[in-house]
Amino acid sequence: MTQHPLYQKAVYLKSAPDISHCPEDTGFEVAFAGRSNAGKSSALNVITSQKSLARVSKTPGRTQMINLFSLDEERRLVDLPGYGFAKVNVHVKRLWEAGLAEYVEKRQALKGLMMMMDSRHPMQPLDEMMLQWTAEIKVPVHILLTKSDKLSRNQASKTLFSLQSQLKKDYPHASAQLFSSLNRQGLDQAWCKLDEWMEYSLEPVKQDSL
């Protein structure tokens, strides 16, 4: 499957400065977060089979806002600003504007957080702070180890195994996978996690008889 019939329908809905300006707090939302250089926009575009969906949120004035994309009447993808611009020693809640932290903490429609990590530099201090925070507020996390095509197969496997071992020990609310926007590695797996959070299931594909 090269496209997903739900996510390819994504269309820009609105940009909100805080939770009070978001759509009605119902349905299902999955938010995308990560360091500014972790490949979040590329991942969003590949997942939705669109070349420039995430670029909409790059419009001046929107870069520090909650950017929402509608999938259908009750499902939305949410693009949150990258957090790589902040100082390492600042608490993760202060990495974003107060309204963004409030969104993650209080938004009832938020079913999970897709977290981008550069596979060449995983688990930076800000990433660990994010995991600690989401563990405290009980928000499920699925990590996409982006740019995995930059690693050899052996390196990528070792990186994934090491991260999964750490998650199992310290952050059991989180899972992880390899992902490449360039060669689409891990795309089906990412779709499956989104389907789970969106409570969306496809009718089984009928195979032609041999």
C-alpha atoms as a PDB file:
ATOM      1  CA  MET A   1       0.000   0.000   0.000  1.00  0.00           C
ATOM      2  CA  THR A   2       1.592   3.274  -1.145  1.00  0.00           C
ATOM      3  CA  GLN A   3      -1.117   5.555   0.219  1.00  0.00           C
ATOM      4  CA  HIS A   4      -3.448   5.419   3.187  1.00  0.00           C
ATOM      5  CA  PRO A   5      -7.052   6.382   2.340  1.00  0.00           C
ATOM      6  CA  LEU A   6      -7.542   8.233   5.634  1.00  0.00           C
ATOM      7  CA  TYR A   7      -4.317  10.233   5.905  1.00  0.00           C
ATOM      8  CA  GLN A   8      -4.114  11.245   2.251  1.00  0.00           C
ATOM      9  CA  LYS A   9      -7.340  13.175   2.875  1.00  0.00           C
ATOM     10  CA  ALA A  10      -5.593  15.514   5.315  1.00  0.00           C
ATOM     11  CA  VAL A  11      -6.350  19.183   4.678  1.00  0.00           C
ATOM     12  CA  TYR A  12      -5.243  22.259   6.576  1.00  0.00           C
ATOM     13  CA  LEU A  13      -7.879  23.242   9.129  1.00  0.00           C
ATOM     14  CA  LYS A  14      -6.461  26.085  11.232  1.00  0.00           C
ATOM     15  CA  SER A  15      -3.594  27.350  13.374  1.00  0.00           C
ATOM     16  CA  ALA A  16      -4.386  28.017  17.016  1.00  0.00           C
ATOM     17  CA  PRO A  17      -2.280  29.978  19.525  1.00  0.00           C
ATOM     18  CA  ASP A  18      -3.711  28.011  22.442  1.00  0.00           C
ATOM     19  CA  ILE A  19      -6.236  25.358  23.398  1.00  0.00           C
ATOM     20  CA  SER A  20      -9.123  27.834  23.579  1.00  0.00           C
ATOM     21  CA  HIS A  21      -8.784  28.500  19.848  1.00  0.00           C
ATOM     22  CA  CYS A  22      -8.738  24.817  18.866  1.00  0.00           C
ATOM     23  CA  PRO A  23     -11.778  23.071  17.392  1.00  0.00           C
ATOM     24  CA  GLU A  24     -14.299  21.527  19.758  1.00  0.00           C
ATOM     25  CA  ASP A  25     -12.524  19.039  22.033  1.00  0.00           C
ATOM     26  CA  THR A  26     -14.097  15.894  20.631  1.00  0.00           C
ATOM     27  CA  GLY A  27     -13.038  13.056  18.368  1.00  0.00           C
ATOM     28  CA  PHE A  28      -9.466  11.881  17.816  1.00  0.00           C
ATOM     29  CA  GLU A  29      -6.223  13.819  17.479  1.00  0.00           C
ATOM     30  CA  VAL A  30      -2.630  12.663  17.127  1.00  0.00           C
ATOM     31  CA  ALA A  31       0.051  15.329  17.558  1.00  0.00           C
ATOM     32  CA  PHE A  32       3.512  15.373  15.965  1.00  0.00           C
ATOM     33  CA  ALA A  33       6.401  16.772  17.986  1.00  0.00           C
ATOM     34  CA  GLY A  34      10.177  16.709  17.956  1.00  0.00           C
ATOM     35  CA  ARG A  35      13.360  18.696  17.770  1.00  0.00           C
ATOM     36  CA  SER A  36      13.360  21.321  15.043  1.00  0.00           C
ATOM     37  CA  ASN A  37      15.758  19.357  12.825  1.00  0.00           C
ATOM     38  CA  ALA A  38      14.337  15.873  13.379  1.00  0.00           C
ATOM     39  CA  GLY A  39      12.422  15.665  10.085  1.00  0.00           C
ATOM     40  CA  LYS A  40       8.905  16.249  11.401  1.00  0.00           C
ATOM     41  CA  SER A  41       7.582  18.069   8.340  1.00  0.00           C
ATOM     42  CA  SER A  42       8.956  15.428   5.977  1.00  0.00           C
ATOM     43  CA  ALA A  43       7.395  12.659   8.069  1.00  0.00           C
ATOM     44  CA  LEU A  44       4.001  14.365   8.037  1.00  0.00           C
ATOM     45  CA  ASN A  45       4.127  14.807   4.280  1.00  0.00           C
ATOM     46  CA  VAL A  46       5.072  11.173   3.631  1.00  0.00           C
ATOM     47  CA  ILE A  47       2.461   9.822   6.059  1.00  0.00           C
ATOM     48  CA  THR A  48      -0.248  11.859   4.317  1.00  0.00           C
ATOM     49  CA  SER A  49       1.110  11.155   0.810  1.00  0.00           C
ATOM     50  CA  GLN A  50       1.277  14.900   0.186  1.00  0.00           C
ATOM     51  CA  LYS A  51       4.321  16.872  -0.876  1.00  0.00           C
ATOM     52  CA  SER A  52       3.701  20.118   0.954  1.00  0.00           C
ATOM     53  CA  LEU A  53       1.017  19.655   3.606  1.00  0.00           C
ATOM     54  CA  ALA A  54       3.320  20.520   6.508  1.00  0.00           C
ATOM     55  CA  ARG A  55       4.648  23.597   4.727  1.00  0.00           C
ATOM     56  CA  VAL A  56       1.344  25.322   5.416  1.00  0.00           C
ATOM     57  CA  SER A  57       2.365  25.621   9.040  1.00  0.00           C
ATOM     58  CA  LYS A  58       5.586  27.389   8.036  1.00  0.00           C
ATOM     59  CA  THR A  59       3.679  30.546   7.107  1.00  0.00           C
ATOM     60  CA  PRO A  60       5.004  33.471   9.174  1.00  0.00           C
ATOM     61  CA  GLY A  61       3.080  33.796  12.421  1.00  0.00           C
ATOM     62  CA  ARG A  62       2.120  30.124  12.519  1.00  0.00           C
ATOM     63  CA  THR A  63       5.459  28.589  13.416  1.00  0.00           C
ATOM     64  CA  GLN A  64       4.758  28.744  17.149  1.00  0.00           C
ATOM     65  CA  MET A  65       1.147  27.675  16.908  1.00  0.00           C
ATOM     66  CA  ILE A  66      -0.854  24.476  17.103  1.00  0.00           C
ATOM     67  CA  ASN A  67      -1.432  23.556  13.449  1.00  0.00           C
ATOM     68  CA  LEU A  68      -4.399  21.294  12.819  1.00  0.00           C
ATOM     69  CA  PHE A  69      -5.173  19.190   9.760  1.00  0.00           C
ATOM     70  CA  SER A  70      -8.564  17.581   9.277  1.00  0.00           C
ATOM     71  CA  LEU A  71      -8.884  13.941   8.168  1.00  0.00           C
ATOM     72  CA  ASP A  72     -12.647  13.634   8.520  1.00  0.00           C
ATOM     73  CA  GLU A  73     -15.351  15.080  10.746  1.00  0.00           C
ATOM     74  CA  GLU A  74     -13.890  13.615  13.916  1.00  0.00           C
ATOM     75  CA  ARG A  75     -10.182  12.942  13.243  1.00  0.00           C
ATOM     76  CA  ARG A  76      -7.300  15.411  13.043  1.00  0.00           C
ATOM     77  CA  LEU A  77      -3.501  15.443  12.814  1.00  0.00           C
ATOM     78  CA  VAL A  78      -1.758  18.162  14.802  1.00  0.00           C
ATOM     79  CA  ASP A  79       1.637  19.677  14.001  1.00  0.00           C
ATOM     80  CA  LEU A  80       3.362  21.178  17.048  1.00  0.00           C
ATOM     81  CA  PRO A  81       6.394  23.507  16.818  1.00  0.00           C
ATOM     82  CA  GLY A  82       9.824  21.925  17.066  1.00  0.00           C
ATOM     83  CA  TYR A  83      11.461  22.221  20.456  1.00  0.00           C
ATOM     84  CA  GLY A  84      15.120  22.276  19.441  1.00  0.00           C
ATOM     85  CA  PHE A  85      15.393  26.032  19.833  1.00  0.00           C
ATOM     86  CA  ALA A  86      15.238  25.953  23.636  1.00  0.00           C
ATOM     87  CA  LYS A  87      18.010  25.657  26.175  1.00  0.00           C
ATOM     88  CA  VAL A  88      18.695  22.187  27.505  1.00  0.00           C
ATOM     89  CA  ASN A  89      18.318  23.148  31.148  1.00  0.00           C
ATOM     90  CA  VAL A  90      14.820  24.579  30.762  1.00  0.00           C
ATOM     91  CA  HIS A  91      11.916  22.392  31.858  1.00  0.00           C
ATOM     92  CA  VAL A  92      10.114  20.864  28.910  1.00  0.00           C
ATOM     93  CA  LYS A  93       6.911  22.743  29.684  1.00  0.00           C
ATOM     94  CA  ARG A  94       8.791  25.951  28.945  1.00  0.00           C
ATOM     95  CA  LEU A  95      10.075  24.689  25.604  1.00  0.00           C
ATOM     96  CA  TRP A  96       6.796  25.726  24.048  1.00  0.00           C
ATOM     97  CA  GLU A  97       4.430  28.553  24.712  1.00  0.00           C
ATOM     98  CA  ALA A  98       2.191  27.958  27.700  1.00  0.00           C
ATOM     99  CA  GLY A  99      -0.742  27.307  25.384  1.00  0.00           C
ATOM    100  CA  LEU A 100       1.050  24.399  23.718  1.00  0.00           C
ATOM    101  CA  ALA A 101       1.864  22.759  27.042  1.00  0.00           C
ATOM    102  CA  GLU A 102      -1.774  23.212  27.996  1.00  0.00           C
ATOM    103  CA  TYR A 103      -2.815  21.503  24.773  1.00  0.00           C
ATOM    104  CA  VAL A 104      -0.762  18.391  25.520  1.00  0.00           C
ATOM    105  CA  GLU A 105      -1.841  18.289  29.161  1.00  0.00           C
ATOM    106  CA  LYS A 106      -5.542  19.064  28.824  1.00  0.00           C
ATOM    107  CA  ARG A 107      -6.724  18.212  25.321  1.00  0.00           C
ATOM    108  CA  GLN A 108      -9.142  15.308  25.706  1.00  0.00           C
ATOM    109  CA  ALA A 109      -9.140  14.532  21.979  1.00  0.00           C
ATOM    110  CA  LEU A 110      -5.361  13.927  22.042  1.00  0.00           C
ATOM    111  CA  LYS A 111      -4.883  10.174  21.811  1.00  0.00           C
ATOM    112  CA  GLY A 112      -1.122  10.022  21.336  1.00  0.00           C
ATOM    113  CA  LEU A 113       2.056  11.858  20.471  1.00  0.00           C
ATOM    114  CA  MET A 114       4.194  10.968  17.471  1.00  0.00           C
ATOM    115  CA  MET A 115       7.681  12.014  18.540  1.00  0.00           C
ATOM    116  CA  MET A 116      10.465  12.499  15.994  1.00  0.00           C
ATOM    117  CA  MET A 117      14.070  11.679  16.861  1.00  0.00           C
ATOM    118  CA  ASP A 118      16.973  11.806  14.415  1.00  0.00           C
ATOM    119  CA  SER A 119      18.188   8.191  14.353  1.00  0.00           C
ATOM    120  CA  ARG A 120      21.780   9.437  14.248  1.00  0.00           C
ATOM    121  CA  HIS A 121      21.314  11.418  17.471  1.00  0.00           C
ATOM    122  CA  PRO A 122      18.512   9.826  19.522  1.00  0.00           C
ATOM    123  CA  MET A 123      17.587  10.616  23.104  1.00  0.00           C
ATOM    124  CA  GLN A 124      18.994  14.107  23.361  1.00  0.00           C
ATOM    125  CA  PRO A 125      18.348  15.826  26.729  1.00  0.00           C
ATOM    126  CA  LEU A 126      15.245  17.580  25.407  1.00  0.00           C
ATOM    127  CA  ASP A 127      13.877  14.267  24.135  1.00  0.00           C
ATOM    128  CA  GLU A 128      14.302  12.694  27.560  1.00  0.00           C
ATOM    129  CA  MET A 129      12.580  15.650  29.180  1.00  0.00           C
ATOM    130  CA  MET A 130       9.677  15.206  26.784  1.00  0.00           C
ATOM    131  CA  LEU A 131       9.410  11.528  27.643  1.00  0.00           C
ATOM    132  CA  GLN A 132       9.506  12.273  31.363  1.00  0.00           C
ATOM    133  CA  TRP A 133       6.772  14.853  31.005  1.00  0.00           C
ATOM    134  CA  THR A 134       4.483  12.675  28.873  1.00  0.00           C
ATOM    135  CA  ALA A 135       4.963   9.819  31.335  1.00  0.00           C
ATOM    136  CA  GLU A 136       3.852  12.076  34.181  1.00  0.00           C
ATOM    137  CA  ILE A 137       0.708  13.202  32.375  1.00  0.00           C
ATOM    138  CA  LYS A 138       0.054   9.759  30.898  1.00  0.00           C
ATOM    139  CA  VAL A 139       0.134  10.647  27.179  1.00  0.00           C
ATOM    140  CA  PRO A 140       1.141   7.673  24.987  1.00  0.00           C
ATOM    141  CA  VAL A 141       4.161   8.254  22.753  1.00  0.00           C
ATOM    142  CA  HIS A 142       5.362   6.544  19.589  1.00  0.00           C
ATOM    143  CA  ILE A 143       8.866   7.499  18.463  1.00  0.00           C
ATOM    144  CA  LEU A 144       9.853   7.668  14.819  1.00  0.00           C
ATOM    145  CA  LEU A 145      13.623   7.306  14.493  1.00  0.00           C
ATOM    146  CA  THR A 146      13.826   9.473  11.397  1.00  0.00           C
ATOM    147  CA  LYS A 147      16.480   9.581   8.687  1.00  0.00           C
ATOM    148  CA  SER A 148      17.200   5.882   9.225  1.00  0.00           C
ATOM    149  CA  ASP A 149      18.400   5.704   5.619  1.00  0.00           C
ATOM    150  CA  LYS A 150      21.504   7.592   6.800  1.00  0.00           C
ATOM    151  CA  LEU A 151      22.541   4.558   8.873  1.00  0.00           C
ATOM    152  CA  SER A 152      23.689   1.121   7.777  1.00  0.00           C
ATOM    153  CA  ARG A 153      21.226  -1.677   8.431  1.00  0.00           C
ATOM    154  CA  ASN A 154      23.378  -2.899  11.311  1.00  0.00           C
ATOM    155  CA  GLN A 155      23.682   0.569  12.850  1.00  0.00           C
ATOM    156  CA  ALA A 156      19.949   1.177  12.523  1.00  0.00           C
ATOM    157  CA  SER A 157      19.106  -2.144  14.174  1.00  0.00           C
ATOM    158  CA  LYS A 158      21.458  -1.455  17.069  1.00  0.00           C
ATOM    159  CA  THR A 159      20.059   2.047  17.557  1.00  0.00           C
ATOM    160  CA  LEU A 160      16.484   0.777  17.600  1.00  0.00           C
ATOM    161  CA  PHE A 161      17.282  -2.092  19.981  1.00  0.00           C
ATOM    162  CA  SER A 162      19.110   0.237  22.368  1.00  0.00           C
ATOM    163  CA  LEU A 163      16.254   2.741  22.400  1.00  0.00           C
ATOM    164  CA  GLN A 164      13.578   0.082  22.839  1.00  0.00           C
ATOM    165  CA  SER A 165      15.507  -1.375  25.768  1.00  0.00           C
ATOM    166  CA  GLN A 166      15.690   2.046  27.419  1.00  0.00           C
ATOM    167  CA  LEU A 167      12.004   2.693  26.819  1.00  0.00           C
ATOM    168  CA  LYS A 168      11.031  -0.638  28.303  1.00  0.00           C
ATOM    169  CA  LYS A 169      13.027   0.169  31.423  1.00  0.00           C
ATOM    170  CA  ASP A 170      12.334   3.869  31.929  1.00  0.00           C
ATOM    171  CA  TYR A 171       9.434   4.923  29.684  1.00  0.00           C
ATOM    172  CA  PRO A 172       6.979   2.039  29.201  1.00  0.00           C
ATOM    173  CA  HIS A 173       4.352   4.463  27.863  1.00  0.00           C
ATOM    174  CA  ALA A 174       6.446   4.866  24.713  1.00  0.00           C
ATOM    175  CA  SER A 175       7.244   2.669  21.709  1.00  0.00           C
ATOM    176  CA  ALA A 176       9.681   3.187  18.835  1.00  0.00           C
ATOM    177  CA  GLN A 177      10.415   2.271  15.233  1.00  0.00           C
ATOM    178  CA  LEU A 178      12.786   3.141  12.403  1.00  0.00           C
ATOM    179  CA  PHE A 179      11.496   5.616   9.836  1.00  0.00           C
ATOM    180  CA  SER A 180      12.774   7.208   6.641  1.00  0.00           C
ATOM    181  CA  SER A 181      10.873   9.809   4.661  1.00  0.00           C
ATOM    182  CA  LEU A 182      13.296   9.288   1.778  1.00  0.00           C
ATOM    183  CA  ASN A 183      12.780   5.563   1.178  1.00  0.00           C
ATOM    184  CA  ARG A 184       9.501   5.238   3.124  1.00  0.00           C
ATOM    185  CA  GLN A 185      10.940   2.720   5.586  1.00  0.00           C
ATOM    186  CA  GLY A 186       8.544   2.154   8.467  1.00  0.00           C
ATOM    187  CA  LEU A 187       5.609   3.894   6.793  1.00  0.00           C
ATOM    188  CA  ASP A 188       3.213   0.960   7.191  1.00  0.00           C
ATOM    189  CA  GLN A 189       4.178   0.610  10.847  1.00  0.00           C
ATOM    190  CA  ALA A 190       3.565   4.328  11.462  1.00  0.00           C
ATOM    191  CA  TRP A 191       0.168   4.062   9.775  1.00  0.00           C
ATOM    192  CA  CYS A 192      -0.728   1.112  12.007  1.00  0.00           C
ATOM    193  CA  LYS A 193       0.041   3.102  15.147  1.00  0.00           C
ATOM    194  CA  LEU A 194      -1.998   6.032  13.869  1.00  0.00           C
ATOM    195  CA  ASP A 195      -4.878   3.697  13.002  1.00  0.00           C
ATOM    196  CA  GLU A 196      -4.752   2.346  16.551  1.00  0.00           C
ATOM    197  CA  TRP A 197      -4.947   5.792  18.129  1.00  0.00           C
ATOM    198  CA  MET A 198      -7.558   7.013  15.648  1.00  0.00           C
ATOM    199  CA  GLU A 199      -9.611   3.833  16.213  1.00  0.00           C
ATOM    200  CA  TYR A 200      -9.654   3.488  12.462  1.00  0.00           C
ATOM    201  CA  SER A 201      -9.625   0.171  10.650  1.00  0.00           C
ATOM    202  CA  LEU A 202      -9.685  -0.689   6.990  1.00  0.00           C
ATOM    203  CA  GLU A 203     -11.730  -3.443   5.466  1.00  0.00           C
ATOM    204  CA  PRO A 204      -9.477  -6.424   4.729  1.00  0.00           C
ATOM    205  CA  VAL A 205      -8.015  -6.276   1.258  1.00  0.00           C
ATOM    206  CA  LYS A 206      -9.329  -9.158  -0.852  1.00  0.00           C
ATOM    207  CA  GLN A 207      -6.559 -11.125  -2.488  1.00  0.00           C
ATOM    208  CA  ASP A 208      -7.049 -12.359  -6.035  1.00  0.00           C
ATOM    209  CA  SER A 209      -7.225 -16.099  -6.166  1.00  0.00           C
ATOM    210  CA  LEU A 210      -4.175 -17.790  -7.612  1.00  0.00           C
END
